[in-house]
Structures are given as structure tokens and as C-alpha cells.
Amino acid sequence: MGPDWSRRRALLERDVTYRAGLLAAYGWPRALEHMSRGSAWEGADAIRFSKRPGPDRVVGDGGMLFVPVSVSSGTWLCEGPSAQYALVYPARGFATNAHARPDGALGRLIGAGRAAILHALRCPATSSELAAQLDLSLGTVGGHLAILRDADLIIGTRVGRRVVYRRTETGDLLAGRYEV
């Protein structure tokens, strides 16, 4: 495994958590949204895999796999030996670029660690995902999350056994003012 595997793994886990949250809250149409350029939920029970005219493949009782990869572009549909399809798509987020810690006014206002977490929550994430992404200990992230939550800058939502954090409107306004 490469030196950036922990960051890539966190990205992939974050995408799975994000998609599971969308599926639980809004259903398949939102879970498939922006997964690839051509994939979309069609009608009551069908998935479109491309924008090309003509019929798409039928997904049978064998189901379908959704496979995030840590590359920035490209999707493909493949068929396995058991006639099970897999949609391979780029995970949401940044796999190859480490997130720089924000400095400047927001960091001086709320602290560099909390500012980094607030910036990282442009996309919802769990505390474990944030710790891996920002190279902080889980305890440090948990402490910062508690303070940001008490200040009404973030909110946590339970998705299965995980708690996914996202910015509130106030958090978006504060972080957005200082985001590049």
C-alpha cells in the first residue's frame, strides 16, 4: 500500500457514508445523483447508466455493486461472471491533495484545528473520517466537534452506527466567508 493509502481509504469510506446517508434520507434518486455523468434513477425502479439512446442493461435479482475509486474522473459499468453489474465511479472529495490547514482570520478567530474541521465539512463526514483526512487524533477531533456543535456551527446526524457531521447554515456562512 502506498503512503497515501490512509487518506484514500478515508475518502472511499466517506463516499460510502455519504451515499448511504442520501439513500436513507432521500432514496435512490439522490443517492445516484452525481455518481457519474450519465447515471440516474428512472421511473419507479430503473437505473440509467448513460445518456446514450437505446435500452440500458437490466439489473436482475443478482443486484448491483457500486464501487467508489479514488481517481478524479471516469466511470464504467462492468459485468461480473455471475451477471452482476458494478458501477465504478470517482468518490466525492479529494484523494490526492492533502488538505492544507487554514490560516488567517478564521483560524485566529476559532482556532486552527476547528477552522480546519469547519472547512473540511464542506462535505459531510464522520469524526473518524475527519481525523484521517486532517491527520488529527480522534479525541482532538471529538473535542473540536463538541465546541463547534455547541456554537451551532455544525450538526450531527446518526446514519446507522455512525454520526455524520455537516455544517449548519451559520457554519456555512462563517466558513464560506473565509474559504478560497
N, C-alpha and C. Protein backbone atom coordinates (compact mmCIF):
# COMPACT_ATOMS: atom_id res chain seq x y z
N MET A 1 0.83 -1.18 0.00
CA MET A 1 0.00 0.00 0.00
C MET A 1 0.87 1.24 0.00
N GLY A 2 0.40 2.25 -0.72
CA GLY A 2 1.16 3.48 -0.86
C GLY A 2 1.09 4.34 0.39
N PRO A 3 1.94 5.36 0.44
CA PRO A 3 1.98 6.22 1.62
C PRO A 3 0.70 7.03 1.81
N ASP A 4 -0.10 7.18 0.77
CA ASP A 4 -1.34 7.96 0.91
C ASP A 4 -2.57 7.06 1.08
N TRP A 5 -2.37 5.76 1.37
CA TRP A 5 -3.49 4.84 1.47
C TRP A 5 -4.48 5.26 2.56
N SER A 6 -4.02 5.71 3.72
CA SER A 6 -4.97 6.06 4.78
C SER A 6 -5.88 7.21 4.35
N ARG A 7 -5.35 8.16 3.60
CA ARG A 7 -6.16 9.27 3.11
C ARG A 7 -7.15 8.78 2.05
N ARG A 8 -6.67 7.92 1.15
CA ARG A 8 -7.56 7.37 0.12
C ARG A 8 -8.65 6.51 0.74
N ARG A 9 -8.29 5.70 1.72
CA ARG A 9 -9.28 4.86 2.39
C ARG A 9 -10.33 5.73 3.06
N ALA A 10 -9.90 6.80 3.74
CA ALA A 10 -10.85 7.71 4.38
C ALA A 10 -11.78 8.33 3.34
N LEU A 11 -11.25 8.68 2.17
CA LEU A 11 -12.07 9.24 1.11
C LEU A 11 -13.14 8.23 0.67
N LEU A 12 -12.73 6.98 0.45
CA LEU A 12 -13.68 5.95 0.00
C LEU A 12 -14.74 5.68 1.06
N GLU A 13 -14.32 5.59 2.32
CA GLU A 13 -15.29 5.38 3.40
C GLU A 13 -16.24 6.56 3.52
N ARG A 14 -15.71 7.75 3.32
CA ARG A 14 -16.54 8.95 3.38
C ARG A 14 -17.59 8.96 2.28
N ASP A 15 -17.21 8.51 1.09
CA ASP A 15 -18.17 8.45 0.00
C ASP A 15 -19.26 7.44 0.29
N VAL A 16 -18.88 6.27 0.81
CA VAL A 16 -19.89 5.25 1.13
C VAL A 16 -20.85 5.79 2.20
N THR A 17 -20.31 6.46 3.21
CA THR A 17 -21.15 7.04 4.25
C THR A 17 -22.08 8.10 3.67
N TYR A 18 -21.54 8.94 2.80
CA TYR A 18 -22.34 9.99 2.16
C TYR A 18 -23.47 9.39 1.35
N ARG A 19 -23.16 8.40 0.52
CA ARG A 19 -24.21 7.76 -0.32
C ARG A 19 -25.24 7.04 0.54
N ALA A 20 -24.80 6.36 1.60
CA ALA A 20 -25.74 5.66 2.48
C ALA A 20 -26.68 6.67 3.16
N GLY A 21 -26.14 7.81 3.54
CA GLY A 21 -26.96 8.85 4.14
C GLY A 21 -27.99 9.39 3.17
N LEU A 22 -27.57 9.62 1.92
CA LEU A 22 -28.52 10.08 0.90
C LEU A 22 -29.59 9.04 0.65
N LEU A 23 -29.18 7.77 0.57
CA LEU A 23 -30.14 6.70 0.34
C LEU A 23 -31.15 6.61 1.48
N ALA A 24 -30.66 6.67 2.71
CA ALA A 24 -31.55 6.57 3.86
C ALA A 24 -32.50 7.77 3.96
N ALA A 25 -32.01 8.95 3.65
CA ALA A 25 -32.83 10.15 3.82
C ALA A 25 -33.73 10.45 2.63
N TYR A 26 -33.25 10.18 1.41
CA TYR A 26 -33.96 10.65 0.23
C TYR A 26 -34.29 9.56 -0.79
N GLY A 27 -33.69 8.38 -0.66
CA GLY A 27 -33.94 7.31 -1.62
C GLY A 27 -32.92 7.27 -2.74
N TRP A 28 -33.12 6.31 -3.66
CA TRP A 28 -32.17 6.07 -4.74
C TRP A 28 -31.93 7.26 -5.67
N PRO A 29 -32.94 8.05 -6.02
CA PRO A 29 -32.65 9.16 -6.95
C PRO A 29 -31.53 10.06 -6.46
N ARG A 30 -31.54 10.44 -5.19
CA ARG A 30 -30.49 11.32 -4.66
C ARG A 30 -29.17 10.58 -4.46
N ALA A 31 -29.24 9.28 -4.10
CA ALA A 31 -28.01 8.52 -3.89
C ALA A 31 -27.22 8.38 -5.19
N LEU A 32 -27.91 8.31 -6.31
CA LEU A 32 -27.24 8.17 -7.61
C LEU A 32 -26.83 9.50 -8.22
N GLU A 33 -27.39 10.58 -7.70
CA GLU A 33 -27.13 11.90 -8.24
C GLU A 33 -25.63 12.20 -8.21
N HIS A 34 -25.09 12.62 -9.31
CA HIS A 34 -23.68 13.00 -9.44
C HIS A 34 -22.71 11.84 -9.22
N MET A 35 -23.20 10.60 -9.24
CA MET A 35 -22.29 9.46 -9.10
C MET A 35 -21.45 9.34 -10.37
N SER A 36 -22.10 9.50 -11.49
CA SER A 36 -21.39 9.55 -12.77
C SER A 36 -22.19 10.49 -13.67
N ARG A 37 -21.61 10.85 -14.78
CA ARG A 37 -22.28 11.81 -15.66
C ARG A 37 -23.61 11.30 -16.18
N GLY A 38 -23.73 10.02 -16.43
CA GLY A 38 -24.94 9.51 -17.06
C GLY A 38 -25.86 8.73 -16.17
N SER A 39 -25.45 8.40 -14.95
CA SER A 39 -26.31 7.57 -14.11
C SER A 39 -27.42 8.40 -13.48
N ALA A 40 -28.61 7.82 -13.48
CA ALA A 40 -29.76 8.49 -12.88
C ALA A 40 -30.84 7.46 -12.60
N TRP A 41 -31.68 7.75 -11.65
CA TRP A 41 -32.82 6.90 -11.34
C TRP A 41 -33.92 7.24 -12.33
N GLU A 42 -34.48 6.25 -12.97
CA GLU A 42 -35.52 6.44 -13.98
C GLU A 42 -36.79 5.73 -13.55
N GLY A 43 -37.89 6.44 -13.54
CA GLY A 43 -39.17 5.81 -13.24
C GLY A 43 -39.22 5.26 -11.83
N ALA A 44 -40.00 4.18 -11.68
CA ALA A 44 -40.21 3.62 -10.35
C ALA A 44 -39.09 2.70 -9.90
N ASP A 45 -38.41 2.04 -10.84
CA ASP A 45 -37.45 1.03 -10.40
C ASP A 45 -36.33 0.75 -11.41
N ALA A 46 -35.84 1.77 -12.05
CA ALA A 46 -34.80 1.54 -13.06
C ALA A 46 -33.67 2.54 -12.90
N ILE A 47 -32.48 2.11 -13.28
CA ILE A 47 -31.30 2.96 -13.27
C ILE A 47 -30.82 3.15 -14.70
N ARG A 48 -30.59 4.39 -15.08
CA ARG A 48 -29.99 4.69 -16.39
C ARG A 48 -28.49 4.86 -16.16
N PHE A 49 -27.68 4.22 -17.00
CA PHE A 49 -26.24 4.27 -16.82
C PHE A 49 -25.54 5.23 -17.75
N SER A 50 -26.22 5.68 -18.78
CA SER A 50 -25.58 6.59 -19.72
C SER A 50 -26.64 7.45 -20.38
N LYS A 51 -26.19 8.44 -21.11
CA LYS A 51 -27.12 9.32 -21.83
C LYS A 51 -27.31 8.87 -23.27
N ARG A 52 -26.72 7.74 -23.63
CA ARG A 52 -26.86 7.23 -24.99
C ARG A 52 -28.28 6.74 -25.22
N PRO A 53 -28.79 6.91 -26.45
CA PRO A 53 -30.13 6.41 -26.74
C PRO A 53 -30.14 4.88 -26.75
N GLY A 54 -31.30 4.32 -26.55
CA GLY A 54 -31.42 2.87 -26.56
C GLY A 54 -31.54 2.33 -25.15
N PRO A 55 -31.87 1.07 -25.05
CA PRO A 55 -32.10 0.49 -23.72
C PRO A 55 -30.80 0.29 -22.95
N ASP A 56 -30.89 0.43 -21.66
CA ASP A 56 -29.77 0.12 -20.78
C ASP A 56 -29.87 -1.33 -20.34
N ARG A 57 -28.85 -1.79 -19.67
CA ARG A 57 -28.86 -3.16 -19.17
C ARG A 57 -29.87 -3.29 -18.04
N VAL A 58 -30.45 -4.46 -17.94
CA VAL A 58 -31.42 -4.73 -16.88
C VAL A 58 -30.66 -5.32 -15.69
N VAL A 59 -30.87 -4.73 -14.54
CA VAL A 59 -30.26 -5.26 -13.33
C VAL A 59 -31.25 -6.24 -12.73
N GLY A 60 -30.84 -7.47 -12.65
CA GLY A 60 -31.74 -8.53 -12.19
C GLY A 60 -31.68 -8.75 -10.70
N ASP A 61 -32.10 -9.94 -10.30
CA ASP A 61 -32.15 -10.30 -8.88
C ASP A 61 -30.76 -10.34 -8.25
N GLY A 62 -29.75 -10.47 -9.07
CA GLY A 62 -28.38 -10.50 -8.54
C GLY A 62 -27.93 -9.17 -7.97
N GLY A 63 -28.67 -8.12 -8.27
CA GLY A 63 -28.34 -6.81 -7.74
C GLY A 63 -27.24 -6.12 -8.51
N MET A 64 -26.67 -5.14 -7.87
CA MET A 64 -25.65 -4.33 -8.50
C MET A 64 -24.70 -3.82 -7.43
N LEU A 65 -23.45 -3.69 -7.78
CA LEU A 65 -22.45 -3.14 -6.87
C LEU A 65 -22.13 -1.71 -7.28
N PHE A 66 -21.91 -0.87 -6.30
CA PHE A 66 -21.45 0.49 -6.54
C PHE A 66 -20.06 0.58 -5.93
N VAL A 67 -19.06 0.89 -6.75
CA VAL A 67 -17.67 0.81 -6.34
C VAL A 67 -17.01 2.18 -6.48
N PRO A 68 -16.77 2.89 -5.36
CA PRO A 68 -16.05 4.16 -5.47
C PRO A 68 -14.56 3.91 -5.65
N VAL A 69 -13.93 4.75 -6.44
CA VAL A 69 -12.48 4.69 -6.62
C VAL A 69 -11.90 6.07 -6.34
N SER A 70 -10.63 6.10 -5.99
CA SER A 70 -10.01 7.36 -5.60
C SER A 70 -9.27 8.01 -6.76
N VAL A 71 -9.97 8.17 -7.86
CA VAL A 71 -9.47 8.92 -9.01
C VAL A 71 -10.44 10.05 -9.27
N SER A 72 -10.01 11.04 -10.03
CA SER A 72 -10.84 12.23 -10.18
C SER A 72 -11.89 12.13 -11.27
N SER A 73 -11.76 11.21 -12.21
CA SER A 73 -12.75 11.17 -13.28
C SER A 73 -12.86 9.76 -13.85
N GLY A 74 -13.90 9.58 -14.64
CA GLY A 74 -14.10 8.31 -15.32
C GLY A 74 -15.02 7.38 -14.57
N THR A 75 -15.96 6.81 -15.28
CA THR A 75 -16.84 5.80 -14.71
C THR A 75 -17.00 4.71 -15.75
N TRP A 76 -17.31 3.55 -15.29
CA TRP A 76 -17.61 2.48 -16.22
C TRP A 76 -18.52 1.47 -15.57
N LEU A 77 -19.19 0.74 -16.41
CA LEU A 77 -20.10 -0.31 -15.99
C LEU A 77 -19.46 -1.62 -16.40
N CYS A 78 -19.38 -2.54 -15.48
CA CYS A 78 -18.80 -3.83 -15.83
C CYS A 78 -19.73 -4.95 -15.40
N GLU A 79 -19.56 -6.09 -16.02
CA GLU A 79 -20.39 -7.23 -15.72
C GLU A 79 -19.49 -8.35 -15.21
N GLY A 80 -19.87 -8.89 -14.06
CA GLY A 80 -19.09 -9.97 -13.48
C GLY A 80 -19.53 -11.32 -14.01
N PRO A 81 -18.83 -12.38 -13.59
CA PRO A 81 -19.14 -13.72 -14.08
C PRO A 81 -20.55 -14.20 -13.69
N SER A 82 -21.10 -13.65 -12.63
CA SER A 82 -22.44 -14.08 -12.21
C SER A 82 -23.51 -13.15 -12.75
N ALA A 83 -23.22 -12.40 -13.79
CA ALA A 83 -24.14 -11.44 -14.42
C ALA A 83 -24.54 -10.34 -13.45
N GLN A 84 -23.67 -10.05 -12.47
CA GLN A 84 -23.91 -8.94 -11.56
C GLN A 84 -23.14 -7.74 -12.10
N TYR A 85 -23.81 -6.61 -12.18
CA TYR A 85 -23.19 -5.40 -12.69
C TYR A 85 -22.54 -4.61 -11.56
N ALA A 86 -21.56 -3.81 -11.93
CA ALA A 86 -20.92 -2.90 -10.98
C ALA A 86 -20.72 -1.56 -11.67
N LEU A 87 -21.14 -0.51 -11.00
CA LEU A 87 -20.88 0.84 -11.49
C LEU A 87 -19.67 1.36 -10.71
N VAL A 88 -18.58 1.59 -11.40
CA VAL A 88 -17.35 2.09 -10.80
C VAL A 88 -17.31 3.59 -11.06
N TYR A 89 -17.17 4.38 -10.00
CA TYR A 89 -17.29 5.83 -10.13
C TYR A 89 -16.29 6.53 -9.22
N PRO A 90 -15.91 7.77 -9.55
CA PRO A 90 -14.98 8.50 -8.69
C PRO A 90 -15.67 8.94 -7.40
N ALA A 91 -15.03 8.69 -6.28
CA ALA A 91 -15.57 9.09 -4.99
C ALA A 91 -15.58 10.60 -4.88
N ARG A 92 -16.53 11.10 -4.10
CA ARG A 92 -16.58 12.54 -3.86
C ARG A 92 -15.43 12.93 -2.95
N GLY A 93 -14.81 14.06 -3.18
CA GLY A 93 -13.77 14.53 -2.28
C GLY A 93 -12.44 14.65 -2.97
N PHE A 94 -11.41 14.66 -2.18
CA PHE A 94 -10.07 14.90 -2.69
C PHE A 94 -9.15 13.78 -2.22
N ALA A 95 -8.74 12.92 -3.14
CA ALA A 95 -7.91 11.79 -2.76
C ALA A 95 -6.43 12.11 -2.84
N THR A 96 -6.05 12.93 -3.76
CA THR A 96 -4.62 13.10 -3.99
C THR A 96 -4.05 14.37 -3.38
N ASN A 97 -4.88 15.31 -3.03
CA ASN A 97 -4.36 16.55 -2.47
C ASN A 97 -4.65 16.60 -0.98
N ALA A 98 -3.61 16.67 -0.18
CA ALA A 98 -3.81 16.81 1.25
C ALA A 98 -4.43 18.17 1.53
N HIS A 99 -5.30 18.21 2.51
CA HIS A 99 -5.96 19.47 2.84
C HIS A 99 -5.02 20.32 3.69
N ALA A 100 -4.76 21.50 3.22
CA ALA A 100 -3.94 22.42 3.99
C ALA A 100 -4.78 22.97 5.14
N ARG A 101 -4.13 23.18 6.24
CA ARG A 101 -4.86 23.77 7.37
C ARG A 101 -5.05 25.26 7.08
N PRO A 102 -6.27 25.73 7.29
CA PRO A 102 -6.49 27.14 7.02
C PRO A 102 -5.76 28.01 8.03
N ASP A 103 -5.24 29.08 7.54
CA ASP A 103 -4.67 30.05 8.45
C ASP A 103 -5.43 31.34 8.22
N GLY A 104 -5.02 32.38 8.81
CA GLY A 104 -5.70 33.64 8.59
C GLY A 104 -6.77 33.90 9.63
N ALA A 105 -7.73 34.72 9.25
CA ALA A 105 -8.71 35.25 10.19
C ALA A 105 -9.56 34.18 10.88
N LEU A 106 -10.08 33.21 10.12
CA LEU A 106 -10.93 32.19 10.75
C LEU A 106 -10.13 31.35 11.74
N GLY A 107 -8.92 30.99 11.38
CA GLY A 107 -8.06 30.23 12.29
C GLY A 107 -7.75 31.00 13.55
N ARG A 108 -7.51 32.30 13.42
CA ARG A 108 -7.24 33.12 14.60
C ARG A 108 -8.50 33.31 15.43
N LEU A 109 -9.67 33.33 14.77
CA LEU A 109 -10.93 33.54 15.48
C LEU A 109 -11.34 32.31 16.29
N ILE A 110 -11.35 31.14 15.66
CA ILE A 110 -11.87 29.95 16.34
C ILE A 110 -10.81 28.88 16.59
N GLY A 111 -9.59 29.11 16.16
CA GLY A 111 -8.51 28.13 16.34
C GLY A 111 -8.28 27.37 15.04
N ALA A 112 -7.02 27.04 14.79
CA ALA A 112 -6.65 26.40 13.52
C ALA A 112 -7.31 25.03 13.36
N GLY A 113 -7.38 24.24 14.43
CA GLY A 113 -7.99 22.90 14.35
C GLY A 113 -9.47 22.97 14.03
N ARG A 114 -10.19 23.83 14.74
CA ARG A 114 -11.63 23.97 14.50
C ARG A 114 -11.90 24.56 13.10
N ALA A 115 -11.06 25.50 12.68
CA ALA A 115 -11.21 26.07 11.34
C ALA A 115 -10.99 24.99 10.27
N ALA A 116 -9.99 24.14 10.49
CA ALA A 116 -9.73 23.06 9.52
C ALA A 116 -10.92 22.11 9.44
N ILE A 117 -11.50 21.78 10.58
CA ILE A 117 -12.67 20.89 10.59
C ILE A 117 -13.85 21.57 9.92
N LEU A 118 -14.07 22.82 10.22
CA LEU A 118 -15.19 23.54 9.60
C LEU A 118 -15.02 23.60 8.08
N HIS A 119 -13.81 23.82 7.61
CA HIS A 119 -13.55 23.81 6.16
C HIS A 119 -13.75 22.41 5.58
N ALA A 120 -13.26 21.39 6.29
CA ALA A 120 -13.38 20.01 5.79
C ALA A 120 -14.84 19.58 5.69
N LEU A 121 -15.70 20.18 6.48
CA LEU A 121 -17.11 19.80 6.47
C LEU A 121 -17.89 20.46 5.34
N ARG A 122 -17.19 20.91 4.31
CA ARG A 122 -17.89 21.29 3.06
C ARG A 122 -18.70 20.09 2.60
N CYS A 123 -18.13 18.90 2.84
CA CYS A 123 -18.82 17.63 2.58
C CYS A 123 -19.02 16.96 3.92
N PRO A 124 -20.21 16.44 4.21
CA PRO A 124 -20.44 15.77 5.49
C PRO A 124 -19.43 14.65 5.73
N ALA A 125 -19.09 14.43 7.00
CA ALA A 125 -18.10 13.41 7.35
C ALA A 125 -18.30 12.96 8.79
N THR A 126 -17.76 11.78 9.10
CA THR A 126 -17.76 11.28 10.47
C THR A 126 -16.50 11.79 11.16
N SER A 127 -16.46 11.64 12.48
CA SER A 127 -15.27 12.06 13.23
C SER A 127 -14.04 11.25 12.81
N SER A 128 -14.20 9.96 12.55
CA SER A 128 -13.08 9.13 12.10
C SER A 128 -12.56 9.59 10.75
N GLU A 129 -13.47 9.92 9.84
CA GLU A 129 -13.06 10.40 8.52
C GLU A 129 -12.32 11.73 8.63
N LEU A 130 -12.81 12.61 9.48
CA LEU A 130 -12.13 13.90 9.68
C LEU A 130 -10.75 13.70 10.28
N ALA A 131 -10.64 12.79 11.26
CA ALA A 131 -9.34 12.53 11.88
C ALA A 131 -8.32 12.03 10.86
N ALA A 132 -8.75 11.11 9.99
CA ALA A 132 -7.84 10.58 8.97
C ALA A 132 -7.50 11.65 7.94
N GLN A 133 -8.50 12.40 7.53
CA GLN A 133 -8.28 13.42 6.50
C GLN A 133 -7.35 14.52 6.98
N LEU A 134 -7.53 14.94 8.23
CA LEU A 134 -6.77 16.07 8.75
C LEU A 134 -5.54 15.66 9.55
N ASP A 135 -5.32 14.35 9.68
CA ASP A 135 -4.19 13.82 10.44
C ASP A 135 -4.19 14.33 11.88
N LEU A 136 -5.37 14.23 12.50
CA LEU A 136 -5.55 14.60 13.90
C LEU A 136 -6.00 13.36 14.67
N SER A 137 -5.81 13.36 15.97
CA SER A 137 -6.30 12.23 16.76
C SER A 137 -7.82 12.30 16.85
N LEU A 138 -8.44 11.14 17.06
CA LEU A 138 -9.89 11.09 17.17
C LEU A 138 -10.38 11.90 18.36
N GLY A 139 -9.64 11.88 19.46
CA GLY A 139 -10.01 12.67 20.64
C GLY A 139 -9.97 14.17 20.37
N THR A 140 -8.96 14.61 19.63
CA THR A 140 -8.85 16.03 19.29
C THR A 140 -10.01 16.45 18.41
N VAL A 141 -10.32 15.61 17.41
CA VAL A 141 -11.45 15.93 16.52
C VAL A 141 -12.75 15.96 17.32
N GLY A 142 -12.94 14.98 18.21
CA GLY A 142 -14.15 14.95 19.03
C GLY A 142 -14.32 16.20 19.88
N GLY A 143 -13.22 16.67 20.46
CA GLY A 143 -13.28 17.90 21.26
C GLY A 143 -13.65 19.11 20.43
N HIS A 144 -13.04 19.21 19.25
CA HIS A 144 -13.37 20.33 18.36
C HIS A 144 -14.82 20.25 17.88
N LEU A 145 -15.28 19.04 17.56
CA LEU A 145 -16.66 18.87 17.10
C LEU A 145 -17.64 19.30 18.19
N ALA A 146 -17.35 18.97 19.44
CA ALA A 146 -18.24 19.34 20.54
C ALA A 146 -18.35 20.86 20.64
N ILE A 147 -17.23 21.56 20.51
CA ILE A 147 -17.25 23.02 20.60
C ILE A 147 -17.99 23.62 19.40
N LEU A 148 -17.72 23.10 18.20
CA LEU A 148 -18.41 23.61 17.00
C LEU A 148 -19.91 23.33 17.08
N ARG A 149 -20.29 22.18 17.63
CA ARG A 149 -21.71 21.84 17.79
C ARG A 149 -22.36 22.77 18.81
N ASP A 150 -21.68 23.02 19.94
CA ASP A 150 -22.21 23.94 20.96
C ASP A 150 -22.38 25.36 20.42
N ALA A 151 -21.53 25.73 19.48
CA ALA A 151 -21.61 27.07 18.87
C ALA A 151 -22.62 27.11 17.72
N ASP A 152 -23.32 26.01 17.47
CA ASP A 152 -24.32 25.89 16.39
C ASP A 152 -23.69 26.12 15.01
N LEU A 153 -22.44 25.67 14.85
CA LEU A 153 -21.79 25.78 13.55
C LEU A 153 -21.86 24.47 12.78
N ILE A 154 -22.09 23.35 13.49
CA ILE A 154 -22.26 22.04 12.86
C ILE A 154 -23.39 21.30 13.55
N ILE A 155 -23.84 20.24 12.91
CA ILE A 155 -24.86 19.36 13.48
C ILE A 155 -24.49 17.92 13.10
N GLY A 156 -24.80 16.99 13.99
CA GLY A 156 -24.53 15.58 13.72
C GLY A 156 -25.83 14.83 13.49
N THR A 157 -25.82 13.92 12.52
CA THR A 157 -26.98 13.10 12.20
C THR A 157 -26.55 11.64 12.23
N ARG A 158 -27.30 10.82 12.95
CA ARG A 158 -26.97 9.40 13.02
C ARG A 158 -27.37 8.71 11.73
N VAL A 159 -26.43 7.96 11.15
CA VAL A 159 -26.66 7.14 9.96
C VAL A 159 -26.14 5.75 10.32
N GLY A 160 -27.05 4.85 10.69
CA GLY A 160 -26.64 3.54 11.17
C GLY A 160 -25.87 3.69 12.47
N ARG A 161 -24.65 3.14 12.51
CA ARG A 161 -23.83 3.24 13.72
C ARG A 161 -22.93 4.47 13.71
N ARG A 162 -22.97 5.24 12.66
CA ARG A 162 -22.11 6.41 12.53
C ARG A 162 -22.87 7.69 12.77
N VAL A 163 -22.15 8.72 13.17
CA VAL A 163 -22.71 10.07 13.24
C VAL A 163 -22.00 10.88 12.16
N VAL A 164 -22.79 11.41 11.25
CA VAL A 164 -22.25 12.21 10.15
C VAL A 164 -22.46 13.68 10.49
N TYR A 165 -21.38 14.44 10.47
CA TYR A 165 -21.44 15.85 10.80
C TYR A 165 -21.49 16.68 9.53
N ARG A 166 -22.20 17.78 9.60
CA ARG A 166 -22.27 18.73 8.49
C ARG A 166 -22.40 20.12 9.08
N ARG A 167 -22.08 21.11 8.27
CA ARG A 167 -22.18 22.49 8.74
C ARG A 167 -23.63 22.93 8.77
N THR A 168 -23.96 23.77 9.70
CA THR A 168 -25.27 24.41 9.73
C THR A 168 -25.21 25.62 8.80
N GLU A 169 -26.32 26.29 8.65
CA GLU A 169 -26.33 27.49 7.82
C GLU A 169 -25.35 28.53 8.37
N THR A 170 -25.31 28.65 9.68
CA THR A 170 -24.37 29.59 10.32
C THR A 170 -22.93 29.17 10.04
N GLY A 171 -22.66 27.87 10.14
CA GLY A 171 -21.32 27.35 9.83
C GLY A 171 -20.94 27.60 8.38
N ASP A 172 -21.90 27.41 7.47
CA ASP A 172 -21.64 27.69 6.05
C ASP A 172 -21.30 29.16 5.85
N LEU A 173 -22.06 30.03 6.50
CA LEU A 173 -21.81 31.47 6.35
C LEU A 173 -20.44 31.86 6.88
N LEU A 174 -20.09 31.34 8.06
CA LEU A 174 -18.81 31.67 8.66
C LEU A 174 -17.65 31.10 7.84
N ALA A 175 -17.73 29.82 7.50
CA ALA A 175 -16.64 29.19 6.74
C ALA A 175 -16.58 29.75 5.33
N GLY A 176 -17.72 29.99 4.71
CA GLY A 176 -17.75 30.48 3.33
C GLY A 176 -17.10 31.84 3.18
N ARG A 177 -17.20 32.63 4.22
CA ARG A 177 -16.59 33.96 4.18
C ARG A 177 -15.07 33.86 4.06
N TYR A 178 -14.49 32.77 4.58
CA TYR A 178 -13.03 32.64 4.61
C TYR A 178 -12.50 31.56 3.67
N GLU A 179 -13.39 30.88 2.93
CA GLU A 179 -12.92 29.82 2.02
C GLU A 179 -12.40 30.42 0.73
N VAL A 180 -11.37 29.77 0.22
CA VAL A 180 -10.74 30.23 -1.01
C VAL A 180 -11.53 29.70 -2.19
